[in-house]
């Protein structure tokens, strides 16, 4: 099996490449320096030259607030880029994994969003991920759409690193407590993706660590496990305005994983501890 991974320099892409390589799967990690996914001809030529059996599409425009203003770039990368990769996948008879987001949902209610629930994004980034899903479903039969949330990993910026940096320079910090979701460790999601591509159980899946919390509770857990004594204050989202609206409820149901016999990801607190231990070891 030969796998091509886009966005290989990003948090998730990095761990996907590491995971596949560690178990002997031939893996080619690419970035924008290799080819431009927004250029259909470039994309088709590059992928045809590689002839992968699977394309794992981790590359994305992920600056949620900037997307509200830089809509052209966000759409080009998240929708047109995904379309070009889907075209290339089809022509090369490759499976495709499209990484999507909890932001495709409007965040209403309190129950976990099911995989087949109608999507309705509340910000532009979420809208482009929603359109990306549509492109994949329209053009391909052999696809896995994997929605995830609140990603953190070794390679890149993330909430954990931000909180620790703030804690090093402040006596107290304020974090929103009314947005609920599942912090997800990229190493655990990479392992799930590895499991998925070795099957023909195509469809939509939610790949998030087990359990839910607010961003405030996530911050508290980080401080607790790092033994940092900074004070963390819970605040409502209205007290922390952002350009892009965030969904309040980002809980994702994992029923399709269960139905198809896949292992659920570990509890988010245990995953956080493994990540922090890994960071300490790599200092």
C-alpha atoms as a PDB file:
ATOM      1  CA  UNK A   1       0.000   0.000   0.000  1.00  0.00           C
ATOM      2  CA  UNK A   2       1.243   3.475  -0.906  1.00  0.00           C
ATOM      3  CA  UNK A   3      -0.209   6.493   0.911  1.00  0.00           C
ATOM      4  CA  UNK A   4       0.114  10.184   0.021  1.00  0.00           C
ATOM      5  CA  UNK A   5      -0.471  12.642   2.881  1.00  0.00           C
ATOM      6  CA  UNK A   6      -1.145  16.317   2.190  1.00  0.00           C
ATOM      7  CA  UNK A   7      -0.299  18.908   4.831  1.00  0.00           C
ATOM      8  CA  UNK A   8       2.532  16.714   6.091  1.00  0.00           C
ATOM      9  CA  UNK A   9       4.130  19.635   7.952  1.00  0.00           C
ATOM     10  CA  UNK A  10       0.967  20.329   9.966  1.00  0.00           C
ATOM     11  CA  UNK A  11      -0.015  18.873  13.335  1.00  0.00           C
ATOM     12  CA  UNK A  12      -2.122  16.003  12.048  1.00  0.00           C
ATOM     13  CA  UNK A  13      -0.260  15.379   8.805  1.00  0.00           C
ATOM     14  CA  UNK A  14       3.014  15.053  10.695  1.00  0.00           C
ATOM     15  CA  UNK A  15       1.633  12.361  13.001  1.00  0.00           C
ATOM     16  CA  UNK A  16      -0.109  10.522  10.151  1.00  0.00           C
ATOM     17  CA  UNK A  17       3.201  10.248   8.298  1.00  0.00           C
ATOM     18  CA  UNK A  18       4.962   9.130  11.493  1.00  0.00           C
ATOM     19  CA  UNK A  19       2.297   6.493  12.209  1.00  0.00           C
ATOM     20  CA  UNK A  20       2.281   4.972   8.732  1.00  0.00           C
ATOM     21  CA  UNK A  21       6.066   4.936   8.511  1.00  0.00           C
ATOM     22  CA  UNK A  22       6.357   3.248  11.917  1.00  0.00           C
ATOM     23  CA  UNK A  23       4.324   0.236  10.781  1.00  0.00           C
ATOM     24  CA  UNK A  24       5.956  -0.123   7.390  1.00  0.00           C
ATOM     25  CA  UNK A  25       3.337   1.489   5.160  1.00  0.00           C
ATOM     26  CA  UNK A  26       4.962   3.373   2.276  1.00  0.00           C
ATOM     27  CA  UNK A  27       4.075   6.982   2.944  1.00  0.00           C
ATOM     28  CA  UNK A  28       4.803  10.147   0.970  1.00  0.00           C
ATOM     29  CA  UNK A  29       4.221  13.363   2.894  1.00  0.00           C
ATOM     30  CA  UNK A  30       3.739  16.481   0.788  1.00  0.00           C
ATOM     31  CA  UNK A  31       3.277  20.186   1.430  1.00  0.00           C
ATOM     32  CA  UNK A  32       2.580  23.316  -0.616  1.00  0.00           C
ATOM     33  CA  UNK A  33       6.234  23.243  -1.691  1.00  0.00           C
ATOM     34  CA  UNK A  34       5.649  20.025  -3.642  1.00  0.00           C
ATOM     35  CA  UNK A  35       2.562  21.095  -5.560  1.00  0.00           C
ATOM     36  CA  UNK A  36      -0.323  23.543  -5.301  1.00  0.00           C
ATOM     37  CA  UNK A  37      -3.566  21.721  -4.504  1.00  0.00           C
ATOM     38  CA  UNK A  38      -5.559  24.727  -5.778  1.00  0.00           C
ATOM     39  CA  UNK A  39      -4.128  24.084  -9.262  1.00  0.00           C
ATOM     40  CA  UNK A  40      -6.040  21.193 -10.844  1.00  0.00           C
ATOM     41  CA  UNK A  41      -3.415  20.344 -13.459  1.00  0.00           C
ATOM     42  CA  UNK A  42      -0.523  20.425 -10.998  1.00  0.00           C
ATOM     43  CA  UNK A  43      -2.450  18.257  -8.575  1.00  0.00           C
ATOM     44  CA  UNK A  44      -3.434  15.698 -11.175  1.00  0.00           C
ATOM     45  CA  UNK A  45       0.064  15.467 -12.640  1.00  0.00           C
ATOM     46  CA  UNK A  46       1.770  15.095  -9.264  1.00  0.00           C
ATOM     47  CA  UNK A  47      -0.604  12.463  -7.917  1.00  0.00           C
ATOM     48  CA  UNK A  48      -0.601  10.512 -11.168  1.00  0.00           C
ATOM     49  CA  UNK A  49       3.210  10.433 -11.014  1.00  0.00           C
ATOM     50  CA  UNK A  50       3.024   8.948  -7.494  1.00  0.00           C
ATOM     51  CA  UNK A  51       0.051   6.633  -8.113  1.00  0.00           C
ATOM     52  CA  UNK A  52      -0.969   6.288  -4.439  1.00  0.00           C
ATOM     53  CA  UNK A  53      -3.482   3.733  -3.234  1.00  0.00           C
ATOM     54  CA  UNK A  54      -4.746   6.212  -0.626  1.00  0.00           C
ATOM     55  CA  UNK A  55      -4.739  10.000  -0.314  1.00  0.00           C
ATOM     56  CA  UNK A  56      -5.040  11.346   3.234  1.00  0.00           C
ATOM     57  CA  UNK A  57      -5.989  15.009   2.867  1.00  0.00           C
ATOM     58  CA  UNK A  58      -4.834  16.831   5.996  1.00  0.00           C
ATOM     59  CA  UNK A  59      -3.907  20.132   4.321  1.00  0.00           C
ATOM     60  CA  UNK A  60      -6.353  22.961   5.005  1.00  0.00           C
ATOM     61  CA  UNK A  61      -6.778  26.659   5.617  1.00  0.00           C
ATOM     62  CA  UNK A  62      -7.411  26.544   9.360  1.00  0.00           C
ATOM     63  CA  UNK A  63      -7.156  30.183  10.512  1.00  0.00           C
ATOM     64  CA  UNK A  64     -10.782  30.407  11.598  1.00  0.00           C
ATOM     65  CA  UNK A  65     -10.908  34.134  12.354  1.00  0.00           C
ATOM     66  CA  UNK A  66      -8.798  35.174   9.358  1.00  0.00           C
ATOM     67  CA  UNK A  67     -11.096  33.135   7.108  1.00  0.00           C
ATOM     68  CA  UNK A  68     -13.910  35.612   7.754  1.00  0.00           C
ATOM     69  CA  UNK A  69     -11.945  38.207   5.765  1.00  0.00           C
ATOM     70  CA  UNK A  70      -9.652  36.117   3.557  1.00  0.00           C
ATOM     71  CA  UNK A  71     -12.528  34.147   2.077  1.00  0.00           C
ATOM     72  CA  UNK A  72     -11.001  33.744  -1.363  1.00  0.00           C
ATOM     73  CA  UNK A  73      -7.934  31.910  -0.080  1.00  0.00           C
ATOM     74  CA  UNK A  74      -9.918  29.843   2.404  1.00  0.00           C
ATOM     75  CA  UNK A  75     -12.344  28.701  -0.316  1.00  0.00           C
ATOM     76  CA  UNK A  76      -9.545  27.990  -2.781  1.00  0.00           C
ATOM     77  CA  UNK A  77      -7.693  25.727  -0.352  1.00  0.00           C
ATOM     78  CA  UNK A  78     -10.574  24.036   1.460  1.00  0.00           C
ATOM     79  CA  UNK A  79     -13.008  23.593  -1.413  1.00  0.00           C
ATOM     80  CA  UNK A  80     -11.183  23.870  -4.732  1.00  0.00           C
ATOM     81  CA  UNK A  81      -8.120  22.083  -3.353  1.00  0.00           C
ATOM     82  CA  UNK A  82     -10.299  19.270  -2.041  1.00  0.00           C
ATOM     83  CA  UNK A  83     -12.106  19.038  -5.385  1.00  0.00           C
ATOM     84  CA  UNK A  84      -8.793  18.755  -7.254  1.00  0.00           C
ATOM     85  CA  UNK A  85      -7.612  15.997  -4.944  1.00  0.00           C
ATOM     86  CA  UNK A  86     -10.922  14.181  -5.336  1.00  0.00           C
ATOM     87  CA  UNK A  87     -10.577  14.364  -9.133  1.00  0.00           C
ATOM     88  CA  UNK A  88      -7.054  12.970  -8.877  1.00  0.00           C
ATOM     89  CA  UNK A  89      -8.226  10.253  -6.488  1.00  0.00           C
ATOM     90  CA  UNK A  90     -10.941   9.189  -8.909  1.00  0.00           C
ATOM     91  CA  UNK A  91      -8.618   9.100 -11.916  1.00  0.00           C
ATOM     92  CA  UNK A  92      -6.056   7.046 -10.013  1.00  0.00           C
ATOM     93  CA  UNK A  93      -8.643   4.794  -8.327  1.00  0.00           C
ATOM     94  CA  UNK A  94      -7.338   5.787  -4.893  1.00  0.00           C
ATOM     95  CA  UNK A  95      -9.204   5.852  -1.606  1.00  0.00           C
ATOM     96  CA  UNK A  96      -9.458   9.327  -0.087  1.00  0.00           C
ATOM     97  CA  UNK A  97      -9.552  10.448   3.534  1.00  0.00           C
ATOM     98  CA  UNK A  98     -10.887  13.982   3.965  1.00  0.00           C
ATOM     99  CA  UNK A  99     -10.292  15.596   7.351  1.00  0.00           C
ATOM    100  CA  UNK A 100     -13.288  17.705   8.312  1.00  0.00           C
ATOM    101  CA  UNK A 101     -14.385  19.581  11.419  1.00  0.00           C
ATOM    102  CA  UNK A 102     -16.917  19.930  14.202  1.00  0.00           C
ATOM    103  CA  UNK A 103     -17.425  23.434  12.769  1.00  0.00           C
ATOM    104  CA  UNK A 104     -19.669  22.035  10.022  1.00  0.00           C
ATOM    105  CA  UNK A 105     -22.411  21.972  12.694  1.00  0.00           C
ATOM    106  CA  UNK A 106     -24.224  24.986  14.113  1.00  0.00           C
ATOM    107  CA  UNK A 107     -23.513  23.956  17.699  1.00  0.00           C
ATOM    108  CA  UNK A 108     -27.111  24.028  18.889  1.00  0.00           C
ATOM    109  CA  UNK A 109     -28.537  21.609  21.454  1.00  0.00           C
ATOM    110  CA  UNK A 110     -26.711  19.543  24.044  1.00  0.00           C
ATOM    111  CA  UNK A 111     -26.612  16.058  22.496  1.00  0.00           C
ATOM    112  CA  UNK A 112     -23.665  14.788  20.429  1.00  0.00           C
ATOM    113  CA  UNK A 113     -24.090  15.464  16.700  1.00  0.00           C
ATOM    114  CA  UNK A 114     -24.640  12.253  14.742  1.00  0.00           C
ATOM    115  CA  UNK A 115     -22.669  11.493  11.581  1.00  0.00           C
ATOM    116  CA  UNK A 116     -25.762  11.832   9.379  1.00  0.00           C
ATOM    117  CA  UNK A 117     -27.116  15.008  10.988  1.00  0.00           C
ATOM    118  CA  UNK A 118     -27.595  17.850   8.460  1.00  0.00           C
ATOM    119  CA  UNK A 119     -24.687  20.286   8.578  1.00  0.00           C
ATOM    120  CA  UNK A 120     -25.085  24.028   9.002  1.00  0.00           C
ATOM    121  CA  UNK A 121     -21.897  25.976   9.645  1.00  0.00           C
ATOM    122  CA  UNK A 122     -21.923  29.227  11.634  1.00  0.00           C
ATOM    123  CA  UNK A 123     -18.603  30.592  10.350  1.00  0.00           C
ATOM    124  CA  UNK A 124     -16.874  30.740   6.963  1.00  0.00           C
ATOM    125  CA  UNK A 125     -14.189  28.205   7.775  1.00  0.00           C
ATOM    126  CA  UNK A 126     -16.895  25.707   8.760  1.00  0.00           C
ATOM    127  CA  UNK A 127     -18.779  26.516   5.555  1.00  0.00           C
ATOM    128  CA  UNK A 128     -15.732  25.648   3.425  1.00  0.00           C
ATOM    129  CA  UNK A 129     -15.212  22.367   5.282  1.00  0.00           C
ATOM    130  CA  UNK A 130     -18.898  21.600   4.724  1.00  0.00           C
ATOM    131  CA  UNK A 131     -18.512  22.313   0.979  1.00  0.00           C
ATOM    132  CA  UNK A 132     -15.381  20.153   0.947  1.00  0.00           C
ATOM    133  CA  UNK A 133     -17.410  17.262   2.329  1.00  0.00           C
ATOM    134  CA  UNK A 134     -19.987  17.752  -0.429  1.00  0.00           C
ATOM    135  CA  UNK A 135     -17.287  17.677  -3.104  1.00  0.00           C
ATOM    136  CA  UNK A 136     -15.888  14.398  -1.781  1.00  0.00           C
ATOM    137  CA  UNK A 137     -19.323  12.756  -1.556  1.00  0.00           C
ATOM    138  CA  UNK A 138     -20.305  13.918  -5.049  1.00  0.00           C
ATOM    139  CA  UNK A 139     -17.137  12.783  -6.811  1.00  0.00           C
ATOM    140  CA  UNK A 140     -16.053   9.651  -4.974  1.00  0.00           C
ATOM    141  CA  UNK A 141     -17.343   6.300  -3.812  1.00  0.00           C
ATOM    142  CA  UNK A 142     -14.217   5.215  -1.925  1.00  0.00           C
ATOM    143  CA  UNK A 143     -13.937   7.905   0.718  1.00  0.00           C
ATOM    144  CA  UNK A 144     -13.673   8.406   4.467  1.00  0.00           C
ATOM    145  CA  UNK A 145     -14.802  11.768   5.812  1.00  0.00           C
ATOM    146  CA  UNK A 146     -13.331  12.139   9.300  1.00  0.00           C
ATOM    147  CA  UNK A 147     -14.652  15.026  11.395  1.00  0.00           C
ATOM    148  CA  UNK A 148     -12.556  15.965  14.395  1.00  0.00           C
ATOM    149  CA  UNK A 149     -12.295  18.747  16.961  1.00  0.00           C
ATOM    150  CA  UNK A 150      -9.894  20.716  19.155  1.00  0.00           C
ATOM    151  CA  UNK A 151      -6.739  19.145  17.740  1.00  0.00           C
ATOM    152  CA  UNK A 152      -3.383  19.336  19.454  1.00  0.00           C
ATOM    153  CA  UNK A 153      -0.078  17.650  18.688  1.00  0.00           C
ATOM    154  CA  UNK A 154       3.653  18.057  18.711  1.00  0.00           C
ATOM    155  CA  UNK A 155       4.122  19.775  15.369  1.00  0.00           C
ATOM    156  CA  UNK A 156       2.555  23.226  15.359  1.00  0.00           C
ATOM    157  CA  UNK A 157       0.546  25.691  17.402  1.00  0.00           C
ATOM    158  CA  UNK A 158      -2.266  24.462  19.623  1.00  0.00           C
ATOM    159  CA  UNK A 159      -4.345  25.318  22.691  1.00  0.00           C
ATOM    160  CA  UNK A 160      -2.116  23.389  25.093  1.00  0.00           C
ATOM    161  CA  UNK A 161       1.004  25.267  24.053  1.00  0.00           C
ATOM    162  CA  UNK A 162      -0.882  28.579  24.131  1.00  0.00           C
ATOM    163  CA  UNK A 163      -2.133  27.985  27.670  1.00  0.00           C
ATOM    164  CA  UNK A 164       1.304  27.015  28.940  1.00  0.00           C
ATOM    165  CA  UNK A 165       2.860  30.083  27.320  1.00  0.00           C
ATOM    166  CA  UNK A 166       0.227  32.359  28.876  1.00  0.00           C
ATOM    167  CA  UNK A 167       0.672  30.703  32.264  1.00  0.00           C
ATOM    168  CA  UNK A 168       4.407  31.382  32.128  1.00  0.00           C
ATOM    169  CA  UNK A 169       3.785  35.112  31.770  1.00  0.00           C
ATOM    170  CA  UNK A 170       0.590  35.790  33.722  1.00  0.00           C
ATOM    171  CA  UNK A 171      -0.751  35.317  37.227  1.00  0.00           C
ATOM    172  CA  UNK A 172      -4.230  34.503  35.949  1.00  0.00           C
ATOM    173  CA  UNK A 173      -5.906  33.743  32.648  1.00  0.00           C
ATOM    174  CA  UNK A 174      -9.525  33.685  31.466  1.00  0.00           C
ATOM    175  CA  UNK A 175     -10.945  30.896  29.298  1.00  0.00           C
ATOM    176  CA  UNK A 176     -14.441  30.415  27.863  1.00  0.00           C
ATOM    177  CA  UNK A 177     -16.546  27.839  29.685  1.00  0.00           C
ATOM    178  CA  UNK A 178     -19.653  27.581  27.483  1.00  0.00           C
ATOM    179  CA  UNK A 179     -18.180  25.873  24.401  1.00  0.00           C
ATOM    180  CA  UNK A 180     -18.154  22.091  24.865  1.00  0.00           C
ATOM    181  CA  UNK A 181     -16.206  19.567  22.814  1.00  0.00           C
ATOM    182  CA  UNK A 182     -13.534  16.879  22.817  1.00  0.00           C
ATOM    183  CA  UNK A 183      -9.826  17.760  22.837  1.00  0.00           C
ATOM    184  CA  UNK A 184      -8.190  15.365  20.372  1.00  0.00           C
ATOM    185  CA  UNK A 185      -4.579  14.219  20.280  1.00  0.00           C
ATOM    186  CA  UNK A 186      -3.261  13.988  16.722  1.00  0.00           C
ATOM    187  CA  UNK A 187      -1.400  10.735  17.457  1.00  0.00           C
ATOM    188  CA  UNK A 188      -4.669   9.040  18.395  1.00  0.00           C
ATOM    189  CA  UNK A 189      -6.456  10.380  15.328  1.00  0.00           C
ATOM    190  CA  UNK A 190      -3.565   9.248  13.121  1.00  0.00           C
ATOM    191  CA  UNK A 191      -3.955   5.709  14.493  1.00  0.00           C
ATOM    192  CA  UNK A 192      -7.670   5.752  13.639  1.00  0.00           C
ATOM    193  CA  UNK A 193      -6.961   6.950  10.092  1.00  0.00           C
ATOM    194  CA  UNK A 194      -4.474   4.107   9.741  1.00  0.00           C
ATOM    195  CA  UNK A 195      -7.187   1.633  10.778  1.00  0.00           C
ATOM    196  CA  UNK A 196      -9.790   3.140   8.447  1.00  0.00           C
ATOM    197  CA  UNK A 197      -7.764   3.042   5.231  1.00  0.00           C
ATOM    198  CA  UNK A 198      -7.091  -0.665   5.586  1.00  0.00           C
ATOM    199  CA  UNK A 199     -10.826  -1.362   5.204  1.00  0.00           C
ATOM    200  CA  UNK A 200     -13.649  -0.716   2.763  1.00  0.00           C
ATOM    201  CA  UNK A 201     -15.983   0.645   5.435  1.00  0.00           C
ATOM    202  CA  UNK A 202     -16.405   3.935   3.593  1.00  0.00           C
ATOM    203  CA  UNK A 203     -18.461   6.833   4.926  1.00  0.00           C
ATOM    204  CA  UNK A 204     -18.486   9.582   7.543  1.00  0.00           C
ATOM    205  CA  UNK A 205     -16.803   9.131  10.914  1.00  0.00           C
ATOM    206  CA  UNK A 206     -16.177  11.268  13.967  1.00  0.00           C
ATOM    207  CA  UNK A 207     -12.611  10.920  15.201  1.00  0.00           C
ATOM    208  CA  UNK A 208     -12.272  12.508  18.632  1.00  0.00           C
ATOM    209  CA  UNK A 209     -10.946  11.398  21.999  1.00  0.00           C
ATOM    210  CA  UNK A 210     -13.529  10.071  24.459  1.00  0.00           C
ATOM    211  CA  UNK A 211     -15.275  12.409  26.889  1.00  0.00           C
ATOM    212  CA  UNK A 212     -16.191  16.085  26.689  1.00  0.00           C
ATOM    213  CA  UNK A 213     -15.198  19.292  28.418  1.00  0.00           C
ATOM    214  CA  UNK A 214     -15.230  23.061  28.019  1.00  0.00           C
ATOM    215  CA  UNK A 215     -12.158  25.020  26.989  1.00  0.00           C
ATOM    216  CA  UNK A 216     -12.013  26.196  30.623  1.00  0.00           C
ATOM    217  CA  UNK A 217     -11.987  22.609  31.915  1.00  0.00           C
ATOM    218  CA  UNK A 218      -9.365  21.719  29.316  1.00  0.00           C
ATOM    219  CA  UNK A 219      -7.174  24.586  30.564  1.00  0.00           C
ATOM    220  CA  UNK A 220      -7.649  23.483  34.196  1.00  0.00           C
ATOM    221  CA  UNK A 221      -6.542  19.951  33.319  1.00  0.00           C
ATOM    222  CA  UNK A 222      -3.431  21.249  31.557  1.00  0.00           C
ATOM    223  CA  UNK A 223      -2.450  23.311  34.612  1.00  0.00           C
ATOM    224  CA  UNK A 224      -3.173  20.413  36.965  1.00  0.00           C
ATOM    225  CA  UNK A 225      -1.050  17.926  35.046  1.00  0.00           C
ATOM    226  CA  UNK A 226       1.794  20.403  34.577  1.00  0.00           C
ATOM    227  CA  UNK A 227       1.541  21.467  38.238  1.00  0.00           C
ATOM    228  CA  UNK A 228       1.195  25.124  37.270  1.00  0.00           C
ATOM    229  CA  UNK A 229      -0.412  27.312  39.938  1.00  0.00           C
ATOM    230  CA  UNK A 230      -1.826  30.062  37.703  1.00  0.00           C
ATOM    231  CA  UNK A 231      -5.450  31.035  38.364  1.00  0.00           C
ATOM    232  CA  UNK A 232      -7.875  30.116  35.567  1.00  0.00           C
ATOM    233  CA  UNK A 233     -11.105  32.107  35.367  1.00  0.00           C
ATOM    234  CA  UNK A 234     -14.199  30.796  33.529  1.00  0.00           C
ATOM    235  CA  UNK A 235     -15.883  33.356  31.256  1.00  0.00           C
ATOM    236  CA  UNK A 236     -18.804  33.236  28.788  1.00  0.00           C
ATOM    237  CA  UNK A 237     -18.071  33.488  25.063  1.00  0.00           C
ATOM    238  CA  UNK A 238     -19.729  36.924  24.922  1.00  0.00           C
ATOM    239  CA  UNK A 239     -16.846  38.202  27.056  1.00  0.00           C
ATOM    240  CA  UNK A 240     -14.312  36.910  24.551  1.00  0.00           C
ATOM    241  CA  UNK A 241     -15.480  38.198  21.147  1.00  0.00           C
ATOM    242  CA  UNK A 242     -13.906  36.743  18.018  1.00  0.00           C
ATOM    243  CA  UNK A 243     -14.344  37.554  14.328  1.00  0.00           C
ATOM    244  CA  UNK A 244     -15.729  34.081  13.630  1.00  0.00           C
ATOM    245  CA  UNK A 245     -18.623  32.704  15.635  1.00  0.00           C
ATOM    246  CA  UNK A 246     -17.868  29.433  17.438  1.00  0.00           C
ATOM    247  CA  UNK A 247     -20.380  26.622  17.980  1.00  0.00           C
ATOM    248  CA  UNK A 248     -21.327  26.104  21.627  1.00  0.00           C
ATOM    249  CA  UNK A 249     -21.927  22.383  21.277  1.00  0.00           C
ATOM    250  CA  UNK A 250     -19.115  20.541  19.479  1.00  0.00           C
ATOM    251  CA  UNK A 251     -19.912  17.099  20.866  1.00  0.00           C
ATOM    252  CA  UNK A 252     -19.573  14.445  18.150  1.00  0.00           C
ATOM    253  CA  UNK A 253     -21.196  11.010  18.239  1.00  0.00           C
ATOM    254  CA  UNK A 254     -18.912   8.056  17.464  1.00  0.00           C
ATOM    255  CA  UNK A 255     -21.696   5.650  16.519  1.00  0.00           C
ATOM    256  CA  UNK A 256     -20.347   4.879  13.037  1.00  0.00           C
ATOM    257  CA  UNK A 257     -17.011   3.796  14.514  1.00  0.00           C
ATOM    258  CA  UNK A 258     -18.867   1.477  16.871  1.00  0.00           C
ATOM    259  CA  UNK A 259     -21.137   0.126  14.126  1.00  0.00           C
ATOM    260  CA  UNK A 260     -18.173  -0.760  11.913  1.00  0.00           C
ATOM    261  CA  UNK A 261     -16.033  -2.330  14.626  1.00  0.00           C
ATOM    262  CA  UNK A 262     -13.368   0.344  14.977  1.00  0.00           C
ATOM    263  CA  UNK A 263     -11.697   1.085  18.297  1.00  0.00           C
ATOM    264  CA  UNK A 264     -12.704   4.336  19.973  1.00  0.00           C
ATOM    265  CA  UNK A 265      -9.983   6.837  20.791  1.00  0.00           C
ATOM    266  CA  UNK A 266      -8.697   6.983  24.397  1.00  0.00           C
ATOM    267  CA  UNK A 267     -10.151   9.295  27.039  1.00  0.00           C
ATOM    268  CA  UNK A 268      -9.116  12.910  26.458  1.00  0.00           C
ATOM    269  CA  UNK A 269      -7.480  13.285  29.892  1.00  0.00           C
ATOM    270  CA  UNK A 270      -5.293  10.218  29.348  1.00  0.00           C
ATOM    271  CA  UNK A 271      -4.432  11.446  25.859  1.00  0.00           C
ATOM    272  CA  UNK A 272      -3.421  14.833  27.264  1.00  0.00           C
ATOM    273  CA  UNK A 273      -1.119  13.160  29.793  1.00  0.00           C
ATOM    274  CA  UNK A 274       0.582  11.139  27.028  1.00  0.00           C
ATOM    275  CA  UNK A 275       1.048  14.281  24.966  1.00  0.00           C
ATOM    276  CA  UNK A 276       2.539  16.238  27.867  1.00  0.00           C
ATOM    277  CA  UNK A 277       4.887  13.348  28.696  1.00  0.00           C
ATOM    278  CA  UNK A 278       5.979  13.261  25.051  1.00  0.00           C
ATOM    279  CA  UNK A 279       6.631  17.004  25.089  1.00  0.00           C
ATOM    280  CA  UNK A 280       8.772  16.675  28.226  1.00  0.00           C
ATOM    281  CA  UNK A 281      10.804  13.885  26.641  1.00  0.00           C
ATOM    282  CA  UNK A 282      11.412  15.924  23.499  1.00  0.00           C
ATOM    283  CA  UNK A 283      12.606  19.080  25.235  1.00  0.00           C
END
